Every structure is written in C-alpha cells, then in structure tokens.
Amino acid sequence: NMLQIMGHFIVSTLRRRNLVRELEQMSYSDQ
C-alpha cells in the first residue's frame, strides 16, 4: 500500500529528473 501511494510521487520526480537532464544536455552541447 505504501509503495503504491508513493508511486505517483516517484514518477513525478523521474519526470523532473529527465527534464533537468535534457536542459543540461541542451545547455552544454552543440545542437
């Protein structure tokens, strides 16, 4: 039950992680 409830937060944090990585990649690489 605990893991299922916290799953939404985990996914939301993974999304933010991916966005940060994408922005960092864009700011440090030649397109």
PDB file of all heavy atoms in Angstrom:
ATOM      1  N   ASN A   1       0.829  -1.206   0.000  1.00  0.00           N
ATOM      2  CA  ASN A   1       0.000   0.000   0.000  1.00  0.00           C
ATOM      3  C   ASN A   1       0.867   1.262   0.000  1.00  0.00           C
ATOM      4  O   ASN A   1       0.580   2.228  -0.723  1.00  0.00           O
ATOM      5  CB  ASN A   1      -0.921   0.006   1.221  1.00  0.00           C
ATOM      6  CG  ASN A   1      -2.017  -1.031   1.122  1.00  0.00           C
ATOM      7  OD1 ASN A   1      -2.381  -1.445   0.023  1.00  0.00           O
ATOM      8  ND2 ASN A   1      -2.529  -1.473   2.255  1.00  0.00           N
ATOM      9  N   MET A   2       1.907   1.246   0.812  1.00  0.00           N
ATOM     10  CA  MET A   2       2.778   2.418   0.901  1.00  0.00           C
ATOM     11  C   MET A   2       3.451   2.703  -0.436  1.00  0.00           C
ATOM     12  O   MET A   2       3.491   3.843  -0.909  1.00  0.00           O
ATOM     13  CB  MET A   2       3.843   2.208   1.981  1.00  0.00           C
ATOM     14  CG  MET A   2       3.304   2.206   3.396  1.00  0.00           C
ATOM     15  SD  MET A   2       2.295   3.662   3.754  1.00  0.00           S
ATOM     16  CE  MET A   2       3.334   4.950   3.134  1.00  0.00           C
ATOM     17  N   LEU A   3       3.990   1.665  -1.046  1.00  0.00           N
ATOM     18  CA  LEU A   3       4.685   1.859  -2.321  1.00  0.00           C
ATOM     19  C   LEU A   3       3.723   2.325  -3.409  1.00  0.00           C
ATOM     20  O   LEU A   3       4.071   3.171  -4.245  1.00  0.00           O
ATOM     21  CB  LEU A   3       5.367   0.559  -2.753  1.00  0.00           C
ATOM     22  CG  LEU A   3       6.515   0.064  -1.872  1.00  0.00           C
ATOM     23  CD1 LEU A   3       7.117  -1.212  -2.462  1.00  0.00           C
ATOM     24  CD2 LEU A   3       7.598   1.125  -1.715  1.00  0.00           C
ATOM     25  N   GLN A   4       2.521   1.786  -3.402  1.00  0.00           N
ATOM     26  CA  GLN A   4       1.552   2.178  -4.427  1.00  0.00           C
ATOM     27  C   GLN A   4       1.181   3.650  -4.285  1.00  0.00           C
ATOM     28  O   GLN A   4       1.078   4.378  -5.276  1.00  0.00           O
ATOM     29  CB  GLN A   4       0.311   1.299  -4.323  1.00  0.00           C
ATOM     30  CG  GLN A   4      -0.665   1.494  -5.475  1.00  0.00           C
ATOM     31  CD  GLN A   4      -1.701   0.385  -5.533  1.00  0.00           C
ATOM     32  OE1 GLN A   4      -1.500  -0.701  -5.008  1.00  0.00           O
ATOM     33  NE2 GLN A   4      -2.818   0.673  -6.188  1.00  0.00           N
ATOM     34  N   ILE A   5       0.988   4.097  -3.054  1.00  0.00           N
ATOM     35  CA  ILE A   5       0.636   5.501  -2.829  1.00  0.00           C
ATOM     36  C   ILE A   5       1.777   6.425  -3.235  1.00  0.00           C
ATOM     37  O   ILE A   5       1.567   7.486  -3.833  1.00  0.00           O
ATOM     38  CB  ILE A   5       0.256   5.717  -1.352  1.00  0.00           C
ATOM     39  CG1 ILE A   5      -1.057   4.998  -1.041  1.00  0.00           C
ATOM     40  CG2 ILE A   5       0.112   7.200  -1.045  1.00  0.00           C
ATOM     41  CD1 ILE A   5      -1.412   4.981   0.422  1.00  0.00           C
ATOM     42  N   MET A   6       3.006   6.020  -2.928  1.00  0.00           N
ATOM     43  CA  MET A   6       4.167   6.869  -3.235  1.00  0.00           C
ATOM     44  C   MET A   6       4.581   6.799  -4.701  1.00  0.00           C
ATOM     45  O   MET A   6       5.423   7.567  -5.148  1.00  0.00           O
ATOM     46  CB  MET A   6       5.351   6.467  -2.355  1.00  0.00           C
ATOM     47  CG  MET A   6       5.130   6.699  -0.865  1.00  0.00           C
ATOM     48  SD  MET A   6       4.898   8.442  -0.463  1.00  0.00           S
ATOM     49  CE  MET A   6       6.570   9.044  -0.678  1.00  0.00           C
ATOM     50  N   GLY A   7       4.006   5.861  -5.460  1.00  0.00           N
ATOM     51  CA  GLY A   7       4.401   5.695  -6.856  1.00  0.00           C
ATOM     52  C   GLY A   7       4.193   6.948  -7.687  1.00  0.00           C
ATOM     53  O   GLY A   7       5.003   7.274  -8.559  1.00  0.00           O
ATOM     54  N   HIS A   8       3.092   7.668  -7.435  1.00  0.00           N
ATOM     55  CA  HIS A   8       2.824   8.897  -8.183  1.00  0.00           C
ATOM     56  C   HIS A   8       3.954   9.900  -7.976  1.00  0.00           C
ATOM     57  O   HIS A   8       4.416  10.552  -8.929  1.00  0.00           O
ATOM     58  CB  HIS A   8       1.496   9.502  -7.746  1.00  0.00           C
ATOM     59  CG  HIS A   8       1.234  10.855  -8.314  1.00  0.00           C
ATOM     60  ND1 HIS A   8       0.735  11.059  -9.581  1.00  0.00           N
ATOM     61  CD2 HIS A   8       1.446  12.095  -7.796  1.00  0.00           C
ATOM     62  CE1 HIS A   8       0.628  12.359  -9.816  1.00  0.00           C
ATOM     63  NE2 HIS A   8       1.052  13.012  -8.746  1.00  0.00           N
ATOM     64  N   PHE A   9       4.404  10.039  -6.742  1.00  0.00           N
ATOM     65  CA  PHE A   9       5.483  10.979  -6.465  1.00  0.00           C
ATOM     66  C   PHE A   9       6.782  10.539  -7.140  1.00  0.00           C
ATOM     67  O   PHE A   9       7.528  11.364  -7.666  1.00  0.00           O
ATOM     68  CB  PHE A   9       5.701  11.102  -4.955  1.00  0.00           C
ATOM     69  CG  PHE A   9       6.846  11.992  -4.584  1.00  0.00           C
ATOM     70  CD1 PHE A   9       6.722  13.373  -4.635  1.00  0.00           C
ATOM     71  CD2 PHE A   9       8.071  11.448  -4.210  1.00  0.00           C
ATOM     72  CE1 PHE A   9       7.791  14.186  -4.316  1.00  0.00           C
ATOM     73  CE2 PHE A   9       9.139  12.253  -3.888  1.00  0.00           C
ATOM     74  CZ  PHE A   9       9.005  13.632  -3.936  1.00  0.00           C
ATOM     75  N   ILE A  10       7.062   9.228  -7.139  1.00  0.00           N
ATOM     76  CA  ILE A  10       8.263   8.719  -7.799  1.00  0.00           C
ATOM     77  C   ILE A  10       8.246   9.071  -9.281  1.00  0.00           C
ATOM     78  O   ILE A  10       9.234   9.566  -9.835  1.00  0.00           O
ATOM     79  CB  ILE A  10       8.372   7.189  -7.618  1.00  0.00           C
ATOM     80  CG1 ILE A  10       8.556   6.827  -6.144  1.00  0.00           C
ATOM     81  CG2 ILE A  10       9.496   6.620  -8.463  1.00  0.00           C
ATOM     82  CD1 ILE A  10       9.902   7.143  -5.563  1.00  0.00           C
ATOM     83  N   VAL A  11       7.125   8.828  -9.946  1.00  0.00           N
ATOM     84  CA  VAL A  11       7.020   9.123 -11.381  1.00  0.00           C
ATOM     85  C   VAL A  11       7.178  10.614 -11.630  1.00  0.00           C
ATOM     86  O   VAL A  11       7.866  11.038 -12.574  1.00  0.00           O
ATOM     87  CB  VAL A  11       5.685   8.605 -11.945  1.00  0.00           C
ATOM     88  CG1 VAL A  11       5.474   9.110 -13.371  1.00  0.00           C
ATOM     89  CG2 VAL A  11       5.650   7.090 -11.910  1.00  0.00           C
ATOM     90  N   SER A  12       6.541  11.437 -10.815  1.00  0.00           N
ATOM     91  CA  SER A  12       6.659  12.882 -10.961  1.00  0.00           C
ATOM     92  C   SER A  12       8.110  13.327 -10.827  1.00  0.00           C
ATOM     93  O   SER A  12       8.585  14.177 -11.592  1.00  0.00           O
ATOM     94  CB  SER A  12       5.792  13.582  -9.910  1.00  0.00           C
ATOM     95  OG  SER A  12       5.943  14.978  -9.982  1.00  0.00           O
ATOM     96  N   THR A  13       8.844  12.728  -9.898  1.00  0.00           N
ATOM     97  CA  THR A  13      10.253  13.087  -9.702  1.00  0.00           C
ATOM     98  C   THR A  13      11.108  12.594 -10.864  1.00  0.00           C
ATOM     99  O   THR A  13      12.055  13.272 -11.279  1.00  0.00           O
ATOM    100  CB  THR A  13      10.765  12.506  -8.375  1.00  0.00           C
ATOM    101  OG1 THR A  13       9.890  12.893  -7.318  1.00  0.00           O
ATOM    102  CG2 THR A  13      12.165  13.028  -8.066  1.00  0.00           C
ATOM    103  N   LEU A  14      10.788  11.430 -11.403  1.00  0.00           N
ATOM    104  CA  LEU A  14      11.509  10.942 -12.583  1.00  0.00           C
ATOM    105  C   LEU A  14      11.311  11.891 -13.768  1.00  0.00           C
ATOM    106  O   LEU A  14      12.241  12.134 -14.551  1.00  0.00           O
ATOM    107  CB  LEU A  14      11.036   9.542 -12.952  1.00  0.00           C
ATOM    108  CG  LEU A  14      11.446   8.405 -12.006  1.00  0.00           C
ATOM    109  CD1 LEU A  14      10.756   7.107 -12.409  1.00  0.00           C
ATOM    110  CD2 LEU A  14      12.959   8.228 -11.997  1.00  0.00           C
ATOM    111  N   ARG A  15      10.101  12.419 -13.907  1.00  0.00           N
ATOM    112  CA  ARG A  15       9.849  13.385 -14.978  1.00  0.00           C
ATOM    113  C   ARG A  15      10.724  14.626 -14.805  1.00  0.00           C
ATOM    114  O   ARG A  15      11.321  15.127 -15.758  1.00  0.00           O
ATOM    115  CB  ARG A  15       8.385  13.796 -14.980  1.00  0.00           C
ATOM    116  CG  ARG A  15       7.412  12.768 -15.522  1.00  0.00           C
ATOM    117  CD  ARG A  15       6.002  13.325 -15.386  1.00  0.00           C
ATOM    118  NE  ARG A  15       4.982  12.419 -15.881  1.00  0.00           N
ATOM    119  CZ  ARG A  15       3.693  12.600 -15.669  1.00  0.00           C
ATOM    120  NH1 ARG A  15       3.281  13.645 -14.957  1.00  0.00           N
ATOM    121  NH2 ARG A  15       2.808  11.755 -16.132  1.00  0.00           N
ATOM    122  N   ARG A  16      10.761  15.132 -13.572  1.00  0.00           N
ATOM    123  CA  ARG A  16      11.585  16.319 -13.313  1.00  0.00           C
ATOM    124  C   ARG A  16      13.054  16.013 -13.549  1.00  0.00           C
ATOM    125  O   ARG A  16      13.786  16.840 -14.101  1.00  0.00           O
ATOM    126  CB  ARG A  16      11.367  16.808 -11.877  1.00  0.00           C
ATOM    127  CG  ARG A  16      10.000  17.418 -11.643  1.00  0.00           C
ATOM    128  CD  ARG A  16       9.931  18.157 -10.320  1.00  0.00           C
ATOM    129  NE  ARG A  16      10.056  17.262  -9.185  1.00  0.00           N
ATOM    130  CZ  ARG A  16      11.030  17.300  -8.297  1.00  0.00           C
ATOM    131  NH1 ARG A  16      12.022  18.173  -8.431  1.00  0.00           N
ATOM    132  NH2 ARG A  16      11.059  16.455  -7.277  1.00  0.00           N
ATOM    133  N   ARG A  17      13.496  14.833 -13.145  1.00  0.00           N
ATOM    134  CA  ARG A  17      14.888  14.432 -13.399  1.00  0.00           C
ATOM    135  C   ARG A  17      15.204  14.432 -14.889  1.00  0.00           C
ATOM    136  O   ARG A  17      16.242  14.950 -15.326  1.00  0.00           O
ATOM    137  CB  ARG A  17      15.128  13.038 -12.821  1.00  0.00           C
ATOM    138  CG  ARG A  17      16.539  12.496 -13.032  1.00  0.00           C
ATOM    139  CD  ARG A  17      16.549  10.982 -13.061  1.00  0.00           C
ATOM    140  NE  ARG A  17      15.793  10.475 -14.209  1.00  0.00           N
ATOM    141  CZ  ARG A  17      15.582   9.178 -14.427  1.00  0.00           C
ATOM    142  NH1 ARG A  17      16.013   8.287 -13.553  1.00  0.00           N
ATOM    143  NH2 ARG A  17      14.906   8.784 -15.495  1.00  0.00           N
ATOM    144  N   ASN A  18      14.308  13.855 -15.686  1.00  0.00           N
ATOM    145  CA  ASN A  18      14.537  13.787 -17.132  1.00  0.00           C
ATOM    146  C   ASN A  18      14.568  15.180 -17.751  1.00  0.00           C
ATOM    147  O   ASN A  18      15.360  15.443 -18.663  1.00  0.00           O
ATOM    148  CB  ASN A  18      13.452  12.944 -17.795  1.00  0.00           C
ATOM    149  CG  ASN A  18      13.528  11.489 -17.392  1.00  0.00           C
ATOM    150  OD1 ASN A  18      14.566  11.028 -16.899  1.00  0.00           O
ATOM    151  ND2 ASN A  18      12.448  10.752 -17.576  1.00  0.00           N
ATOM    152  N   LEU A  19      13.692  16.062 -17.269  1.00  0.00           N
ATOM    153  CA  LEU A  19      13.669  17.424 -17.790  1.00  0.00           C
ATOM    154  C   LEU A  19      14.961  18.154 -17.459  1.00  0.00           C
ATOM    155  O   LEU A  19      15.541  18.830 -18.316  1.00  0.00           O
ATOM    156  CB  LEU A  19      12.474  18.183 -17.214  1.00  0.00           C
ATOM    157  CG  LEU A  19      12.350  19.656 -17.630  1.00  0.00           C
ATOM    158  CD1 LEU A  19      12.227  19.779 -19.148  1.00  0.00           C
ATOM    159  CD2 LEU A  19      11.163  20.307 -16.941  1.00  0.00           C
ATOM    160  N   VAL A  20      15.441  18.011 -16.230  1.00  0.00           N
ATOM    161  CA  VAL A  20      16.694  18.658 -15.831  1.00  0.00           C
ATOM    162  C   VAL A  20      17.852  18.138 -16.683  1.00  0.00           C
ATOM    163  O   VAL A  20      18.700  18.911 -17.156  1.00  0.00           O
ATOM    164  CB  VAL A  20      16.972  18.416 -14.333  1.00  0.00           C
ATOM    165  CG1 VAL A  20      18.400  18.826 -13.976  1.00  0.00           C
ATOM    166  CG2 VAL A  20      15.978  19.189 -13.483  1.00  0.00           C
ATOM    167  N   ARG A  21      17.873  16.832 -16.907  1.00  0.00           N
ATOM    168  CA  ARG A  21      18.952  16.254 -17.722  1.00  0.00           C
ATOM    169  C   ARG A  21      18.884  16.764 -19.163  1.00  0.00           C
ATOM    170  O   ARG A  21      19.918  17.039 -19.783  1.00  0.00           O
ATOM    171  CB  ARG A  21      18.853  14.729 -17.701  1.00  0.00           C
ATOM    172  CG  ARG A  21      19.233  14.115 -16.362  1.00  0.00           C
ATOM    173  CD  ARG A  21      19.129  12.598 -16.405  1.00  0.00           C
ATOM    174  NE  ARG A  21      19.534  12.009 -15.137  1.00  0.00           N
ATOM    175  CZ  ARG A  21      19.512  10.702 -14.879  1.00  0.00           C
ATOM    176  NH1 ARG A  21      19.107   9.857 -15.822  1.00  0.00           N
ATOM    177  NH2 ARG A  21      19.887  10.244 -13.699  1.00  0.00           N
ATOM    178  N   GLU A  22      17.672  16.877 -19.684  1.00  0.00           N
ATOM    179  CA  GLU A  22      17.514  17.360 -21.059  1.00  0.00           C
ATOM    180  C   GLU A  22      17.972  18.812 -21.181  1.00  0.00           C
ATOM    181  O   GLU A  22      18.674  19.179 -22.129  1.00  0.00           O
ATOM    182  CB  GLU A  22      16.056  17.226 -21.485  1.00  0.00           C
ATOM    183  CG  GLU A  22      15.797  17.650 -22.918  1.00  0.00           C
ATOM    184  CD  GLU A  22      14.341  17.486 -23.318  1.00  0.00           C
ATOM    185  OE1 GLU A  22      13.568  16.880 -22.551  1.00  0.00           O
ATOM    186  OE2 GLU A  22      13.976  17.973 -24.407  1.00  0.00           O
ATOM    187  N   LEU A  23      17.588  19.636 -20.213  1.00  0.00           N
ATOM    188  CA  LEU A  23      18.000  21.041 -20.238  1.00  0.00           C
ATOM    189  C   LEU A  23      19.499  21.171 -20.082  1.00  0.00           C
ATOM    190  O   LEU A  23      20.143  22.019 -20.729  1.00  0.00           O
ATOM    191  CB  LEU A  23      17.271  21.809 -19.130  1.00  0.00           C
ATOM    192  CG  LEU A  23      15.758  21.966 -19.303  1.00  0.00           C
ATOM    193  CD1 LEU A  23      15.147  22.624 -18.077  1.00  0.00           C
ATOM    194  CD2 LEU A  23      15.443  22.781 -20.549  1.00  0.00           C
ATOM    195  N   GLU A  24      20.082  20.347 -19.220  1.00  0.00           N
ATOM    196  CA  GLU A  24      21.533  20.387 -19.033  1.00  0.00           C
ATOM    197  C   GLU A  24      22.249  19.962 -20.309  1.00  0.00           C
ATOM    198  O   GLU A  24      23.242  20.568 -20.712  1.00  0.00           O
ATOM    199  CB  GLU A  24      21.943  19.476 -17.877  1.00  0.00           C
ATOM    200  CG  GLU A  24      23.434  19.570 -17.554  1.00  0.00           C
ATOM    201  CD  GLU A  24      23.809  18.720 -16.363  1.00  0.00           C
ATOM    202  OE1 GLU A  24      23.636  17.482 -16.437  1.00  0.00           O
ATOM    203  OE2 GLU A  24      24.272  19.276 -15.357  1.00  0.00           O
ATOM    204  N   GLN A  25      21.721  18.912 -20.949  1.00  0.00           N
ATOM    205  CA  GLN A  25      22.313  18.460 -22.198  1.00  0.00           C
ATOM    206  C   GLN A  25      22.249  19.557 -23.256  1.00  0.00           C
ATOM    207  O   GLN A  25      23.217  19.788 -23.998  1.00  0.00           O
ATOM    208  CB  GLN A  25      21.580  17.201 -22.694  1.00  0.00           C
ATOM    209  CG  GLN A  25      22.050  16.668 -24.040  1.00  0.00           C
ATOM    210  CD  GLN A  25      23.462  16.130 -23.998  1.00  0.00           C
ATOM    211  OE1 GLN A  25      23.949  15.759 -22.932  1.00  0.00           O
ATOM    212  NE2 GLN A  25      24.120  16.091 -25.140  1.00  0.00           N
ATOM    213  N   MET A  26      21.124  20.250 -23.334  1.00  0.00           N
ATOM    214  CA  MET A  26      20.976  21.320 -24.311  1.00  0.00           C
ATOM    215  C   MET A  26      21.925  22.477 -24.020  1.00  0.00           C
ATOM    216  O   MET A  26      22.479  23.087 -24.943  1.00  0.00           O
ATOM    217  CB  MET A  26      19.530  21.821 -24.320  1.00  0.00           C
ATOM    218  CG  MET A  26      18.538  20.823 -24.873  1.00  0.00           C
ATOM    219  SD  MET A  26      16.824  21.371 -24.694  1.00  0.00           S
ATOM    220  CE  MET A  26      16.861  22.871 -25.681  1.00  0.00           C
ATOM    221  N   SER A  27      22.139  22.780 -22.751  1.00  0.00           N
ATOM    222  CA  SER A  27      22.973  23.930 -22.397  1.00  0.00           C
ATOM    223  C   SER A  27      24.459  23.636 -22.530  1.00  0.00           C
ATOM    224  O   SER A  27      25.261  24.558 -22.579  1.00  0.00           O
ATOM    225  CB  SER A  27      22.661  24.387 -20.971  1.00  0.00           C
ATOM    226  OG  SER A  27      23.005  23.396 -20.036  1.00  0.00           O
ATOM    227  N   TYR A  28      24.820  22.358 -22.596  1.00  0.00           N
ATOM    228  CA  TYR A  28      26.238  22.003 -22.662  1.00  0.00           C
ATOM    229  C   TYR A  28      26.635  21.330 -23.975  1.00  0.00           C
ATOM    230  O   TYR A  28      27.747  20.836 -24.099  1.00  0.00           O
ATOM    231  CB  TYR A  28      26.619  21.068 -21.505  1.00  0.00           C
ATOM    232  CG  TYR A  28      26.808  21.797 -20.190  1.00  0.00           C
ATOM    233  CD1 TYR A  28      25.773  21.881 -19.267  1.00  0.00           C
ATOM    234  CD2 TYR A  28      28.016  22.405 -19.872  1.00  0.00           C
ATOM    235  CE1 TYR A  28      25.931  22.550 -18.062  1.00  0.00           C
ATOM    236  CE2 TYR A  28      28.194  23.072 -18.664  1.00  0.00           C
ATOM    237  CZ  TYR A  28      27.147  23.137 -17.771  1.00  0.00           C
ATOM    238  OH  TYR A  28      27.317  23.806 -16.575  1.00  0.00           O
ATOM    239  N   SER A  29      25.743  21.297 -24.945  1.00  0.00           N
ATOM    240  CA  SER A  29      26.100  20.612 -26.185  1.00  0.00           C
ATOM    241  C   SER A  29      25.753  21.448 -27.399  1.00  0.00           C
ATOM    242  O   SER A  29      24.834  22.266 -27.377  1.00  0.00           O
ATOM    243  CB  SER A  29      25.387  19.253 -26.274  1.00  0.00           C
ATOM    244  OG  SER A  29      24.000  19.433 -26.415  1.00  0.00           O
ATOM    245  N   ASP A  30      26.502  21.209 -28.459  1.00  0.00           N
ATOM    246  CA  ASP A  30      26.222  21.816 -29.754  1.00  0.00           C
ATOM    247  C   ASP A  30      25.062  21.062 -30.382  1.00  0.00           C
ATOM    248  O   ASP A  30      25.084  19.821 -30.478  1.00  0.00           O
ATOM    249  CB  ASP A  30      27.475  21.717 -30.643  1.00  0.00           C
ATOM    250  CG  ASP A  30      27.195  22.125 -32.070  1.00  0.00           C
ATOM    251  OD1 ASP A  30      26.841  23.293 -32.277  1.00  0.00           O
ATOM    252  OD2 ASP A  30      27.319  21.270 -32.969  1.00  0.00           O
ATOM    253  N   GLN A  31      24.041  21.779 -30.816  1.00  0.00           N
ATOM    254  CA  GLN A  31      22.815  21.131 -31.267  1.00  0.00           C
ATOM    255  C   GLN A  31      22.991  20.349 -32.555  1.00  0.00           C
ATOM    256  O   GLN A  31      22.275  19.379 -32.791  1.00  0.00           O
ATOM    257  CB  GLN A  31      21.707  22.175 -31.435  1.00  0.00           C
ATOM    258  CG  GLN A  31      21.280  22.808 -30.128  1.00  0.00           C
ATOM    259  CD  GLN A  31      20.858  21.772 -29.111  1.00  0.00           C
ATOM    260  OE1 GLN A  31      19.895  21.052 -29.308  1.00  0.00           O
ATOM    261  NE2 GLN A  31      21.589  21.682 -28.001  1.00  0.00           N
TER     262      GLN A  31
END
